[in-house]
Protein backbone atom coordinates (compact mmCIF):
# COMPACT_ATOMS: atom_id res chain seq x y z
CA UNK A 1 -40.62 -98.14 -14.52
CA UNK A 2 -43.97 -97.55 -16.18
CA UNK A 3 -46.49 -99.07 -13.76
CA UNK A 4 -49.54 -96.92 -13.14
CA UNK A 5 -49.44 -95.29 -9.72
CA UNK A 6 -52.79 -94.46 -8.19
CA UNK A 7 -53.27 -90.89 -7.05
CA UNK A 8 -56.39 -90.88 -4.87
CA UNK A 9 -57.93 -87.69 -3.59
CA UNK A 10 -56.44 -87.15 -0.10
CA UNK A 11 -58.82 -88.01 2.73
CA UNK A 12 -58.66 -84.50 4.16
CA UNK A 13 -59.53 -82.80 0.85
CA UNK A 14 -62.91 -81.66 2.13
CA UNK A 15 -61.25 -79.67 4.90
CA UNK A 16 -59.20 -77.64 2.43
CA UNK A 17 -61.98 -75.55 0.93
CA UNK A 18 -61.71 -72.07 -0.58
CA UNK A 19 -62.83 -70.48 2.67
CA UNK A 20 -59.42 -71.26 4.20
CA UNK A 21 -56.81 -70.11 1.64
CA UNK A 22 -53.78 -71.05 3.73
CA UNK A 23 -55.01 -74.56 4.38
CA UNK A 24 -56.07 -75.04 0.76
CA UNK A 25 -52.80 -73.78 -0.71
CA UNK A 26 -50.50 -75.88 1.43
CA UNK A 27 -52.76 -78.89 1.16
CA UNK A 28 -52.38 -78.76 -2.63
CA UNK A 29 -48.59 -78.36 -2.50
CA UNK A 30 -48.25 -81.23 -0.02
CA UNK A 31 -50.53 -83.38 -2.18
CA UNK A 32 -48.27 -82.78 -5.21
CA UNK A 33 -45.12 -83.48 -3.17
CA UNK A 34 -46.50 -86.75 -1.85
CA UNK A 35 -47.65 -87.85 -5.30
CA UNK A 36 -44.30 -87.18 -7.00
CA UNK A 37 -42.46 -88.77 -4.09
CA UNK A 38 -44.39 -91.99 -4.72
CA UNK A 39 -44.42 -91.82 -8.52
CA UNK A 40 -40.84 -90.70 -9.21
CA UNK A 41 -38.76 -91.32 -6.08
CA UNK A 42 -40.28 -94.61 -4.85
CA UNK A 43 -41.26 -92.88 -1.59
CA UNK A 44 -37.62 -92.34 -0.59
CA UNK A 45 -37.92 -88.65 0.24
CA UNK A 46 -38.49 -87.66 3.87
CA UNK A 47 -41.07 -85.06 4.91
CA UNK A 48 -39.94 -81.47 4.53
CA UNK A 49 -41.36 -78.00 5.09
CA UNK A 50 -42.82 -76.51 1.90
CA UNK A 51 -42.77 -72.71 1.86
CA UNK A 52 -43.79 -69.89 -0.46
CA UNK A 53 -41.24 -67.13 -1.03
CA UNK A 54 -40.84 -64.22 -3.46
CA UNK A 55 -37.05 -64.04 -3.59
CA UNK A 56 -36.60 -61.83 -6.63
CA UNK A 57 -34.30 -63.99 -8.76
CA UNK A 58 -35.52 -67.38 -7.59
CA UNK A 59 -38.19 -69.72 -8.90
CA UNK A 60 -37.65 -72.08 -6.00
CA UNK A 61 -34.90 -73.68 -3.96
CA UNK A 62 -33.92 -76.50 -1.61
CA UNK A 63 -32.25 -75.76 1.71
CA UNK A 64 -31.14 -78.60 3.98
CA UNK A 65 -32.06 -78.56 7.70
CA UNK A 66 -33.41 -75.02 7.39
CA UNK A 67 -36.08 -75.43 10.09
CA UNK A 68 -35.85 -76.71 13.65
CA UNK A 69 -38.63 -77.92 15.93
CA UNK A 70 -38.89 -76.91 19.57
CA UNK A 71 -37.81 -80.45 20.51
CA UNK A 72 -34.60 -80.16 18.45
CA UNK A 73 -35.68 -82.07 15.35
CA UNK A 74 -34.65 -80.52 12.02
CA UNK A 75 -36.24 -80.62 8.58
CA UNK A 76 -35.35 -79.47 5.08
CA UNK A 77 -37.09 -76.67 3.19
CA UNK A 78 -38.49 -76.61 -0.32
CA UNK A 79 -39.53 -73.10 -1.35
CA UNK A 80 -41.55 -72.09 -4.41
CA UNK A 81 -42.12 -68.59 -5.76
CA UNK A 82 -45.89 -68.00 -6.19
CA UNK A 83 -45.34 -64.95 -8.39
CA UNK A 84 -45.01 -67.33 -11.36
CA UNK A 85 -48.06 -69.51 -10.70
CA UNK A 86 -50.61 -67.47 -12.69
CA UNK A 87 -48.49 -66.75 -15.77
CA UNK A 88 -46.86 -70.11 -16.53
CA UNK A 89 -48.65 -73.38 -17.36
CA UNK A 90 -49.32 -75.63 -14.39
CA UNK A 91 -46.88 -78.27 -15.66
CA UNK A 92 -44.00 -75.78 -15.27
CA UNK A 93 -44.82 -75.13 -11.62
CA UNK A 94 -44.91 -78.90 -11.06
CA UNK A 95 -41.62 -79.17 -12.94
CA UNK A 96 -40.03 -76.68 -10.57
CA UNK A 97 -41.23 -78.69 -7.58
CA UNK A 98 -39.80 -81.94 -8.96
CA UNK A 99 -36.49 -80.27 -9.93
CA UNK A 100 -36.06 -79.13 -6.33
CA UNK A 101 -37.19 -82.52 -5.00
CA UNK A 102 -34.30 -84.02 -6.99
CA UNK A 103 -31.90 -81.87 -4.96
CA UNK A 104 -33.56 -83.13 -1.77
CA UNK A 105 -33.14 -86.73 -3.01
CA UNK A 106 -29.44 -86.17 -3.70
CA UNK A 107 -28.90 -84.60 -0.29
CA UNK A 108 -30.26 -87.69 1.46
CA UNK A 109 -29.27 -90.46 -0.97
CA UNK A 110 -26.33 -89.20 -3.01
CA UNK A 111 -23.40 -86.82 -3.15
CA UNK A 112 -24.39 -83.21 -3.99
CA UNK A 113 -21.97 -81.05 -5.93
CA UNK A 114 -20.19 -78.16 -4.28
CA UNK A 115 -22.30 -75.06 -3.72
CA UNK A 116 -24.79 -74.62 -6.54
CA UNK A 117 -23.08 -77.06 -8.90
CA UNK A 118 -25.43 -79.58 -10.50
CA UNK A 119 -23.21 -82.64 -10.95
CA UNK A 120 -23.45 -85.79 -13.09
CA UNK A 121 -25.27 -87.79 -10.39
CA UNK A 122 -27.96 -85.12 -10.20
CA UNK A 123 -28.23 -85.04 -14.01
CA UNK A 124 -28.61 -88.83 -14.21
CA UNK A 125 -31.35 -88.79 -11.57
CA UNK A 126 -33.18 -86.02 -13.42
CA UNK A 127 -33.15 -88.08 -16.61
CA UNK A 128 -34.35 -91.15 -14.72
CA UNK A 129 -37.44 -89.31 -13.49
CA UNK A 130 -38.21 -87.81 -16.91
CA UNK A 131 -36.59 -84.37 -16.89
CA UNK A 132 -33.69 -83.65 -19.23
CA UNK A 133 -31.10 -81.33 -17.65
CA UNK A 134 -30.02 -78.49 -19.90
CA UNK A 135 -28.25 -75.22 -19.20
CA UNK A 136 -30.56 -73.53 -21.74
CA UNK A 137 -33.78 -75.40 -20.98
CA UNK A 138 -33.66 -76.74 -24.57
CA UNK A 139 -31.94 -79.63 -26.38
CA UNK A 140 -28.21 -79.16 -26.81
CA UNK A 141 -27.52 -77.39 -23.50
CA UNK A 142 -24.94 -78.58 -20.97
CA UNK A 143 -26.10 -81.37 -18.62
CA UNK A 144 -24.21 -80.05 -15.59
CA UNK A 145 -23.22 -76.68 -14.19
CA UNK A 146 -23.99 -74.00 -11.60
CA UNK A 147 -27.20 -72.69 -13.18
CA UNK A 148 -29.27 -75.44 -14.73
CA UNK A 149 -32.67 -75.65 -16.35
CA UNK A 150 -34.37 -78.70 -17.85
CA UNK A 151 -37.20 -79.78 -20.12
CA UNK A 152 -39.75 -82.54 -19.86
CA UNK A 153 -38.88 -85.73 -21.77
CA UNK A 154 -41.67 -86.62 -24.18
CA UNK A 155 -43.41 -89.73 -22.83
CA UNK A 156 -41.16 -89.76 -19.77
CA UNK A 157 -42.03 -90.57 -16.18
CA UNK A 158 -42.51 -86.94 -15.12
CA UNK A 159 -45.22 -86.26 -17.69
CA UNK A 160 -46.85 -89.61 -16.90
CA UNK A 161 -46.91 -88.65 -13.21
CA UNK A 162 -48.40 -85.25 -14.06
CA UNK A 163 -51.18 -86.94 -16.02
CA UNK A 164 -51.92 -89.22 -13.06
CA UNK A 165 -52.03 -86.26 -10.68
CA UNK A 166 -54.40 -84.25 -12.87
CA UNK A 167 -56.65 -87.29 -13.32
CA UNK A 168 -57.29 -86.97 -9.58
CA UNK A 169 -58.56 -83.39 -10.17
CA UNK A 170 -55.45 -81.72 -8.75
CA UNK A 171 -55.15 -77.97 -9.23
CA UNK A 172 -53.63 -74.87 -7.69
CA UNK A 173 -56.37 -72.61 -6.38
CA UNK A 174 -54.68 -69.35 -5.37
CA UNK A 175 -52.45 -67.10 -7.50
CA UNK A 176 -50.37 -63.99 -6.92
CA UNK A 177 -52.22 -61.13 -8.65
CA UNK A 178 -49.12 -59.07 -9.44
CA UNK A 179 -46.50 -61.04 -11.40
CA UNK A 180 -43.68 -58.79 -12.51
CA UNK A 181 -42.39 -58.31 -16.06
CA UNK A 182 -39.75 -61.04 -15.67
CA UNK A 183 -42.40 -63.57 -14.67
CA UNK A 184 -44.54 -62.63 -17.65
CA UNK A 185 -41.58 -62.99 -20.02
CA UNK A 186 -40.94 -66.50 -18.69
CA UNK A 187 -44.53 -67.33 -19.58
CA UNK A 188 -44.16 -65.73 -23.01
CA UNK A 189 -41.14 -67.93 -23.75
CA UNK A 190 -42.67 -71.13 -22.39
CA UNK A 191 -43.03 -74.21 -24.58
CA UNK A 192 -45.57 -75.80 -22.28
CA UNK A 193 -48.63 -74.39 -24.05
CA UNK A 194 -47.95 -77.00 -26.73
CA UNK A 195 -48.07 -79.82 -24.20
CA UNK A 196 -51.48 -81.44 -23.70
CA UNK A 197 -53.82 -80.19 -21.01
CA UNK A 198 -53.82 -83.72 -19.57
CA UNK A 199 -50.31 -83.12 -18.20
CA UNK A 200 -50.87 -79.48 -17.19
CA UNK A 201 -49.84 -77.94 -20.49
CA UNK A 202 -51.70 -75.32 -22.50
CA UNK A 203 -52.32 -71.71 -21.51
CA UNK A 204 -51.22 -70.41 -18.12
CA UNK A 205 -53.99 -70.26 -15.49
CA UNK A 206 -54.48 -66.54 -16.17
CA UNK A 207 -55.18 -67.47 -19.78
CA UNK A 208 -57.71 -70.18 -18.90
CA UNK A 209 -59.97 -68.59 -16.31
CA UNK A 210 -61.77 -65.36 -17.18
CA UNK A 211 -62.23 -64.27 -13.55
CA UNK A 212 -58.55 -64.87 -12.79
CA UNK A 213 -57.54 -63.00 -15.93
CA UNK A 214 -59.51 -59.99 -14.69
CA UNK A 215 -57.88 -60.18 -11.26
CA UNK A 216 -54.24 -60.69 -12.31
CA UNK A 217 -52.43 -57.51 -13.34
CA UNK A 218 -49.68 -58.46 -15.81
CA UNK A 219 -49.35 -55.32 -17.93
CA UNK A 220 -49.32 -52.42 -15.49
CA UNK A 221 -52.93 -51.59 -16.34
CA UNK A 222 -55.62 -51.08 -13.74
CA UNK A 223 -57.73 -54.20 -13.16
CA UNK A 224 -61.41 -53.59 -12.36
CA UNK A 225 -60.69 -50.21 -10.81
CA UNK A 226 -58.05 -51.56 -8.44
CA UNK A 227 -54.72 -49.72 -8.29
CA UNK A 228 -52.00 -51.48 -10.26
CA UNK A 229 -48.97 -52.80 -8.39
CA UNK A 230 -46.19 -50.26 -8.06
CA UNK A 231 -43.27 -50.98 -10.38
CA UNK A 232 -45.06 -53.35 -12.78
CA UNK A 233 -44.49 -52.27 -16.37
CA UNK A 234 -46.04 -53.58 -19.58
CA UNK A 235 -44.28 -56.76 -20.73
CA UNK A 236 -45.72 -56.44 -24.21
CA UNK A 237 -44.00 -53.40 -25.68
CA UNK A 238 -46.30 -53.41 -28.70
CA UNK A 239 -49.24 -52.86 -26.32
CA UNK A 240 -51.11 -55.76 -27.94
CA UNK A 241 -52.17 -58.92 -26.17
CA UNK A 242 -53.21 -62.31 -27.46
CA UNK A 243 -56.70 -63.44 -26.42
CA UNK A 244 -58.16 -66.96 -26.62
CA UNK A 245 -61.81 -68.02 -26.58
CA UNK A 246 -62.59 -69.72 -23.27
CA UNK A 247 -65.11 -71.95 -25.05
CA UNK A 248 -64.69 -75.07 -27.15
CA UNK A 249 -63.43 -73.45 -30.37
CA UNK A 250 -60.25 -72.00 -28.85
CA UNK A 251 -60.06 -69.20 -31.41
CA UNK A 252 -57.36 -66.55 -30.98
CA UNK A 253 -57.41 -62.80 -31.55
CA UNK A 254 -54.99 -59.95 -30.88
CA UNK A 255 -55.98 -56.63 -29.38
CA UNK A 256 -55.19 -53.87 -26.92
CA UNK A 257 -55.11 -54.61 -23.15
CA UNK A 258 -58.47 -54.54 -21.41
CA UNK A 259 -60.66 -55.74 -24.29
CA UNK A 260 -64.02 -57.28 -23.32
CA UNK A 261 -65.18 -59.39 -26.28
CA UNK A 262 -67.34 -62.47 -26.80
CA UNK A 263 -66.93 -65.31 -29.29
CA UNK A 264 -69.82 -65.36 -31.78
CA UNK A 265 -69.44 -69.15 -32.12
CA UNK A 266 -69.19 -70.26 -28.48
CA UNK A 267 -70.73 -67.20 -26.79
CA UNK A 268 -67.81 -67.40 -24.37
CA UNK A 269 -65.44 -64.57 -23.42
CA UNK A 270 -62.01 -64.14 -24.93
CA UNK A 271 -59.41 -64.14 -22.15
CA UNK A 272 -55.85 -62.77 -22.39
CA UNK A 273 -52.93 -65.16 -22.42
CA UNK A 274 -49.21 -64.88 -22.91
CA UNK A 275 -48.07 -65.79 -26.44
CA UNK A 276 -46.05 -69.02 -26.10
CA UNK A 277 -43.77 -69.56 -29.08
CA UNK A 278 -41.31 -72.38 -28.38
CA UNK A 279 -41.49 -75.87 -29.86
CA UNK A 280 -43.78 -78.61 -28.61
CA UNK A 281 -42.55 -81.23 -26.21
CA UNK A 282 -40.29 -78.99 -24.14
CA UNK A 283 -41.17 -77.21 -20.94
CA UNK A 284 -38.30 -75.01 -19.72
CA UNK A 285 -37.84 -75.51 -16.02
CA UNK A 286 -38.38 -72.89 -13.39
CA UNK A 287 -35.05 -73.60 -11.78
CA UNK A 288 -33.66 -72.75 -8.36
CA UNK A 289 -31.56 -69.61 -8.36
CA UNK A 290 -29.94 -70.76 -5.13
CA UNK A 291 -30.54 -74.22 -3.74
CA UNK A 292 -29.22 -73.33 -0.31
CA UNK A 293 -29.53 -69.61 0.46
CA UNK A 294 -27.59 -68.17 3.37
CA UNK A 295 -29.50 -67.30 6.53
CA UNK A 296 -30.94 -63.76 6.45
């Protein structure tokens, strides 16, 4: 199915301005959910409650009937971990959302595997929507198992849907300032920088926006005189960071944390980014650590 699916700006977009962070954040997540539901699942997915959580070992998860209304109705939960948003490319955050949406689809329209097991039906559905299941997040991994990653299929429906969403000026506006070392390492190992910006690839948000780069503390250093988050240690043991020109030339330089330098060509600042090294065309998934966590 390759028909173009329109992704209009939601009618309530004007009410989700930066002055109301909660409204803006959840408006954007709901917008993405609705778009992928139409583009990849033919609108088959029911409404659910989208939540943000910082469960230490989890990128996101699906939990069936996790919330109940005062009138007795129940709804499923999709949770995403915002600690990764600033240090991985946008396409990976969207990939996590769609991975978890596939579990929601299987819960309502298929036969989920036992516990955390990702079975063959789930794997086939992932391929159908443009994500290749892989236990390693790279070609050659197992298609099924308890702990599964995936990568975006080049030219597949998922990347097409991402391009449609970004054409409508979709973005994530708010980012956790204190991603831990594990989150930074995920960004360092990401292949998504080599995907085009049109699908949400390229540098992570903290590597694209100079103001955000100044606000996000990823190395344990002090940012603009603010105290660094307790427990955050430098992810780059060599104490050198890669910087990219925020202007048109895109030149790269390496240097110590905290450098303030301008590009002589573009007269734009160099901003720090995590050094992505994997091959083009693959975006390792941010996968659920537990699709159905036990009640607290």
